[in-house]
Every structure is written in C-alpha cells, then in structure tokens.
C-alpha cells in the first residue's frame, strides 16, 4: 500500500515542479495534501466517493483534474496494479503442503 501512495505523491510532486514550484514547495504541498486528505478520511464515516464529491466543484480545478484522470483510465490502472500485486503475493506463497 505505501508504495502506491508514494508513487502517486511522486507524480503530484513532479506535476507541481513542472508548474513552477520548487522541489521543497512541491513536497510540502503534496505531503500536506495527503496528510489532510487521510486525516479527513479517518475521521469521517462517509464513503471515499462522497468525500471526493464534497471537495469537487463542478467546473472547478479538481473536477478538471479528475476528468483528465478518467480520460486516461487511471483508476483502472490502480485496480490492475493491486490485482497484479495480489497475484504475485499468491505466487510467492508457493504451493500449500
């Protein structure tokens, strides 16, 4: 799990740098985005999709970013990555005696 989160964080930090933030600013922005989001998810009984909807204004910046992610089928890639990791875990267990 943490490897997936760090991968996503790396990508967001890279995007921030390409948009003009320096490395330190990008890392701080990404770290606090993840920290705040995770804290909200832990404290809330709402579903993750509801939380996402609550912070996404139609036509806003988050909406535009999510639309680009949907266009590139990022969610499908994440699901496939998790399934590949699971399949490898089963392989590593080997046959049961």
N, C-alpha and C. Protein backbone atom coordinates (compact mmCIF):
# COMPACT_ATOMS: atom_id res chain seq x y z
N UNK A 1 0.77 -1.20 0.00
CA UNK A 1 0.00 0.00 0.00
C UNK A 1 0.82 1.28 0.00
N UNK A 2 1.77 1.43 0.91
CA UNK A 2 2.53 2.68 0.94
C UNK A 2 3.27 2.97 -0.36
N UNK A 3 3.74 1.93 -1.04
CA UNK A 3 4.42 2.14 -2.31
C UNK A 3 3.51 2.81 -3.33
N UNK A 4 2.23 2.43 -3.33
CA UNK A 4 1.26 3.05 -4.25
C UNK A 4 1.07 4.52 -3.90
N UNK A 5 0.96 4.79 -2.61
CA UNK A 5 0.76 6.18 -2.16
C UNK A 5 1.97 7.03 -2.52
N UNK A 6 3.16 6.51 -2.27
CA UNK A 6 4.37 7.27 -2.60
C UNK A 6 4.49 7.49 -4.12
N UNK A 7 4.07 6.53 -4.90
CA UNK A 7 4.09 6.66 -6.36
C UNK A 7 3.18 7.82 -6.79
N UNK A 8 1.99 7.86 -6.23
CA UNK A 8 1.04 8.94 -6.52
C UNK A 8 1.61 10.28 -6.05
N UNK A 9 2.22 10.29 -4.88
CA UNK A 9 2.83 11.52 -4.35
C UNK A 9 3.96 12.00 -5.26
N UNK A 10 4.79 11.07 -5.72
CA UNK A 10 5.88 11.42 -6.63
C UNK A 10 5.34 12.11 -7.88
N UNK A 11 4.27 11.54 -8.43
CA UNK A 11 3.69 12.10 -9.65
C UNK A 11 3.14 13.50 -9.41
N UNK A 12 2.47 13.70 -8.29
CA UNK A 12 1.93 15.02 -7.98
C UNK A 12 3.05 16.03 -7.73
N UNK A 13 4.12 15.60 -7.08
CA UNK A 13 5.25 16.50 -6.85
C UNK A 13 5.91 16.88 -8.18
N UNK A 14 6.02 15.91 -9.08
CA UNK A 14 6.58 16.20 -10.40
C UNK A 14 5.71 17.22 -11.12
N UNK A 15 4.40 17.03 -11.07
CA UNK A 15 3.48 17.98 -11.71
C UNK A 15 3.64 19.37 -11.11
N UNK A 16 3.73 19.43 -9.78
CA UNK A 16 3.89 20.73 -9.11
C UNK A 16 5.17 21.43 -9.58
N UNK A 17 6.25 20.67 -9.70
CA UNK A 17 7.52 21.25 -10.17
C UNK A 17 7.40 21.72 -11.61
N UNK A 18 6.72 20.96 -12.44
CA UNK A 18 6.53 21.36 -13.83
C UNK A 18 5.66 22.62 -13.93
N UNK A 19 4.86 22.86 -12.90
CA UNK A 19 4.01 24.04 -12.87
C UNK A 19 4.67 25.24 -12.18
N UNK A 20 5.95 25.07 -11.77
CA UNK A 20 6.69 26.21 -11.26
C UNK A 20 7.06 26.18 -9.78
N UNK A 21 6.61 25.19 -9.04
CA UNK A 21 7.00 25.08 -7.64
C UNK A 21 8.41 24.50 -7.57
N UNK A 22 9.19 24.93 -6.57
CA UNK A 22 10.49 24.30 -6.40
C UNK A 22 10.29 22.96 -5.69
N UNK A 23 11.37 22.19 -5.57
CA UNK A 23 11.27 20.84 -5.02
C UNK A 23 10.71 20.83 -3.59
N UNK A 24 11.18 21.75 -2.77
CA UNK A 24 10.72 21.84 -1.38
C UNK A 24 9.24 22.21 -1.30
N UNK A 25 8.84 23.19 -2.10
CA UNK A 25 7.44 23.60 -2.11
C UNK A 25 6.54 22.47 -2.61
N UNK A 26 6.99 21.78 -3.64
CA UNK A 26 6.20 20.67 -4.20
C UNK A 26 6.01 19.57 -3.16
N UNK A 27 7.09 19.23 -2.47
CA UNK A 27 7.00 18.17 -1.46
C UNK A 27 6.06 18.59 -0.33
N UNK A 28 6.18 19.82 0.12
CA UNK A 28 5.32 20.30 1.20
C UNK A 28 3.85 20.30 0.77
N UNK A 29 3.59 20.76 -0.43
CA UNK A 29 2.23 20.78 -0.96
C UNK A 29 1.64 19.37 -1.01
N UNK A 30 2.41 18.44 -1.55
CA UNK A 30 1.95 17.06 -1.68
C UNK A 30 1.79 16.41 -0.31
N UNK A 31 2.78 16.58 0.57
CA UNK A 31 2.69 15.97 1.90
C UNK A 31 1.44 16.44 2.65
N UNK A 32 1.19 17.73 2.61
CA UNK A 32 0.04 18.25 3.35
C UNK A 32 -1.28 17.89 2.69
N UNK A 33 -1.29 17.77 1.38
CA UNK A 33 -2.49 17.32 0.69
C UNK A 33 -2.85 15.90 1.13
N UNK A 34 -1.86 15.03 1.16
CA UNK A 34 -2.12 13.65 1.56
C UNK A 34 -2.44 13.54 3.04
N UNK A 35 -1.72 14.27 3.86
CA UNK A 35 -1.96 14.24 5.30
C UNK A 35 -3.38 14.72 5.62
N UNK A 36 -3.77 15.84 5.05
CA UNK A 36 -5.10 16.37 5.30
C UNK A 36 -6.19 15.46 4.77
N UNK A 37 -5.99 14.91 3.59
CA UNK A 37 -6.98 14.01 2.99
C UNK A 37 -7.13 12.73 3.81
N UNK A 38 -6.01 12.15 4.21
CA UNK A 38 -6.06 10.93 5.01
C UNK A 38 -6.70 11.19 6.36
N UNK A 39 -6.38 12.31 6.98
CA UNK A 39 -6.97 12.65 8.28
C UNK A 39 -8.49 12.79 8.15
N UNK A 40 -8.94 13.45 7.10
CA UNK A 40 -10.38 13.60 6.89
C UNK A 40 -11.03 12.24 6.68
N UNK A 41 -10.41 11.38 5.89
CA UNK A 41 -10.97 10.05 5.64
C UNK A 41 -11.06 9.22 6.92
N UNK A 42 -10.04 9.31 7.77
CA UNK A 42 -10.02 8.55 9.03
C UNK A 42 -11.10 9.05 9.98
N UNK A 43 -11.33 10.34 10.00
CA UNK A 43 -12.28 10.95 10.94
C UNK A 43 -13.73 10.87 10.46
N UNK A 44 -13.95 10.55 9.20
CA UNK A 44 -15.29 10.59 8.63
C UNK A 44 -15.87 9.20 8.45
N UNK A 45 -17.18 9.10 8.61
CA UNK A 45 -17.88 7.85 8.33
C UNK A 45 -18.40 7.81 6.90
N UNK A 46 -18.20 8.91 6.17
CA UNK A 46 -18.68 8.97 4.79
C UNK A 46 -17.79 8.13 3.88
N UNK A 47 -18.36 7.65 2.78
CA UNK A 47 -17.59 6.87 1.82
C UNK A 47 -16.53 7.76 1.17
N UNK A 48 -15.51 7.12 0.63
CA UNK A 48 -14.46 7.87 -0.06
C UNK A 48 -15.03 8.62 -1.26
N UNK A 49 -15.98 8.02 -1.96
CA UNK A 49 -16.57 8.70 -3.11
C UNK A 49 -17.34 9.94 -2.67
N UNK A 50 -18.02 9.86 -1.52
CA UNK A 50 -18.74 11.03 -1.00
C UNK A 50 -17.76 12.13 -0.62
N UNK A 51 -16.66 11.76 0.03
CA UNK A 51 -15.65 12.76 0.40
C UNK A 51 -15.09 13.42 -0.85
N UNK A 52 -14.81 12.62 -1.88
CA UNK A 52 -14.30 13.18 -3.14
C UNK A 52 -15.31 14.14 -3.74
N UNK A 53 -16.56 13.76 -3.76
CA UNK A 53 -17.60 14.62 -4.31
C UNK A 53 -17.72 15.94 -3.54
N UNK A 54 -17.54 15.88 -2.22
CA UNK A 54 -17.66 17.07 -1.38
C UNK A 54 -16.57 18.12 -1.66
N UNK A 55 -15.42 17.66 -2.15
CA UNK A 55 -14.33 18.60 -2.42
C UNK A 55 -14.17 18.91 -3.91
N UNK A 56 -15.12 18.45 -4.70
CA UNK A 56 -15.06 18.64 -6.15
C UNK A 56 -16.21 19.52 -6.61
N UNK A 57 -15.88 20.75 -7.00
CA UNK A 57 -16.89 21.67 -7.54
C UNK A 57 -17.02 21.42 -9.04
N UNK A 58 -18.26 21.27 -9.51
CA UNK A 58 -18.47 21.10 -10.96
C UNK A 58 -17.84 22.28 -11.70
N UNK A 59 -17.02 21.96 -12.66
CA UNK A 59 -16.36 23.01 -13.44
C UNK A 59 -15.13 23.61 -12.77
N UNK A 60 -14.79 23.13 -11.57
CA UNK A 60 -13.64 23.66 -10.85
C UNK A 60 -12.34 22.97 -11.21
N UNK A 61 -11.30 23.31 -10.48
CA UNK A 61 -9.98 22.78 -10.77
C UNK A 61 -9.88 21.28 -10.50
N UNK A 62 -10.43 20.84 -9.38
CA UNK A 62 -10.39 19.41 -9.06
C UNK A 62 -11.19 18.62 -10.08
N UNK A 63 -12.33 19.15 -10.47
CA UNK A 63 -13.16 18.50 -11.49
C UNK A 63 -12.37 18.32 -12.78
N UNK A 64 -11.67 19.38 -13.21
CA UNK A 64 -10.88 19.31 -14.44
C UNK A 64 -9.79 18.24 -14.33
N UNK A 65 -9.13 18.20 -13.18
CA UNK A 65 -8.08 17.20 -12.98
C UNK A 65 -8.63 15.79 -12.96
N UNK A 66 -9.75 15.60 -12.29
CA UNK A 66 -10.36 14.27 -12.24
C UNK A 66 -10.83 13.81 -13.61
N UNK A 67 -11.34 14.73 -14.40
CA UNK A 67 -11.76 14.38 -15.77
C UNK A 67 -10.57 13.91 -16.59
N UNK A 68 -9.42 14.55 -16.43
CA UNK A 68 -8.22 14.12 -17.14
C UNK A 68 -7.79 12.73 -16.67
N UNK A 69 -7.89 12.47 -15.37
CA UNK A 69 -7.54 11.15 -14.84
C UNK A 69 -8.49 10.08 -15.38
N UNK A 70 -9.78 10.41 -15.45
CA UNK A 70 -10.76 9.47 -16.00
C UNK A 70 -10.46 9.19 -17.47
N UNK A 71 -10.14 10.23 -18.22
CA UNK A 71 -9.82 10.09 -19.65
C UNK A 71 -8.67 9.10 -19.85
N UNK A 72 -7.71 9.14 -18.95
CA UNK A 72 -6.55 8.26 -19.04
C UNK A 72 -6.72 6.96 -18.26
N UNK A 73 -7.91 6.73 -17.76
CA UNK A 73 -8.27 5.49 -17.06
C UNK A 73 -7.32 5.15 -15.92
N UNK A 74 -6.98 6.17 -15.14
CA UNK A 74 -6.04 5.99 -14.03
C UNK A 74 -6.60 5.02 -13.00
N UNK A 75 -7.88 5.11 -12.69
CA UNK A 75 -8.47 4.20 -11.70
C UNK A 75 -8.32 2.75 -12.13
N UNK A 76 -8.53 2.48 -13.42
CA UNK A 76 -8.36 1.12 -13.92
C UNK A 76 -6.93 0.64 -13.73
N UNK A 77 -5.97 1.52 -13.97
CA UNK A 77 -4.57 1.16 -13.78
C UNK A 77 -4.25 0.85 -12.33
N UNK A 78 -4.85 1.60 -11.42
CA UNK A 78 -4.63 1.36 -9.99
C UNK A 78 -5.20 0.00 -9.59
N UNK A 79 -6.41 -0.29 -10.06
CA UNK A 79 -7.04 -1.58 -9.76
C UNK A 79 -6.19 -2.72 -10.32
N UNK A 80 -5.74 -2.58 -11.55
CA UNK A 80 -4.91 -3.63 -12.15
C UNK A 80 -3.60 -3.80 -11.41
N UNK A 81 -3.02 -2.71 -10.93
CA UNK A 81 -1.79 -2.79 -10.15
C UNK A 81 -2.00 -3.57 -8.86
N UNK A 82 -3.11 -3.30 -8.17
CA UNK A 82 -3.41 -4.02 -6.93
C UNK A 82 -3.63 -5.50 -7.20
N UNK A 83 -4.30 -5.82 -8.30
CA UNK A 83 -4.54 -7.23 -8.66
C UNK A 83 -3.22 -7.94 -9.00
N UNK A 84 -2.32 -7.22 -9.68
CA UNK A 84 -1.02 -7.81 -10.01
C UNK A 84 -0.21 -8.09 -8.75
N UNK A 85 -0.26 -7.18 -7.80
CA UNK A 85 0.45 -7.38 -6.54
C UNK A 85 -0.13 -8.57 -5.78
N UNK A 86 -1.45 -8.67 -5.78
CA UNK A 86 -2.11 -9.80 -5.11
C UNK A 86 -1.70 -11.12 -5.77
N UNK A 87 -1.72 -11.17 -7.09
CA UNK A 87 -1.34 -12.39 -7.81
C UNK A 87 0.10 -12.78 -7.48
N UNK A 88 0.97 -11.79 -7.41
CA UNK A 88 2.37 -12.07 -7.08
C UNK A 88 2.51 -12.58 -5.65
N UNK A 89 1.73 -12.02 -4.73
CA UNK A 89 1.75 -12.49 -3.34
C UNK A 89 1.36 -13.97 -3.27
N UNK A 90 0.35 -14.35 -4.04
CA UNK A 90 -0.07 -15.76 -4.08
C UNK A 90 1.06 -16.64 -4.64
N UNK A 91 1.70 -16.17 -5.70
CA UNK A 91 2.83 -16.91 -6.29
C UNK A 91 3.95 -17.10 -5.28
N UNK A 92 4.25 -16.05 -4.53
CA UNK A 92 5.35 -16.10 -3.56
C UNK A 92 5.05 -17.05 -2.40
N UNK A 93 3.77 -17.27 -2.12
CA UNK A 93 3.41 -18.21 -1.05
C UNK A 93 3.76 -19.63 -1.44
N UNK A 94 3.73 -19.91 -2.73
CA UNK A 94 4.03 -21.25 -3.20
C UNK A 94 2.90 -22.21 -2.88
N UNK A 95 3.09 -23.44 -3.30
CA UNK A 95 2.03 -24.45 -3.04
C UNK A 95 1.91 -24.75 -1.56
N UNK A 96 0.69 -24.98 -1.16
CA UNK A 96 0.46 -25.32 0.27
C UNK A 96 0.67 -26.82 0.45
N UNK A 97 1.31 -27.18 1.55
CA UNK A 97 1.60 -28.62 1.79
C UNK A 97 0.35 -29.40 2.06
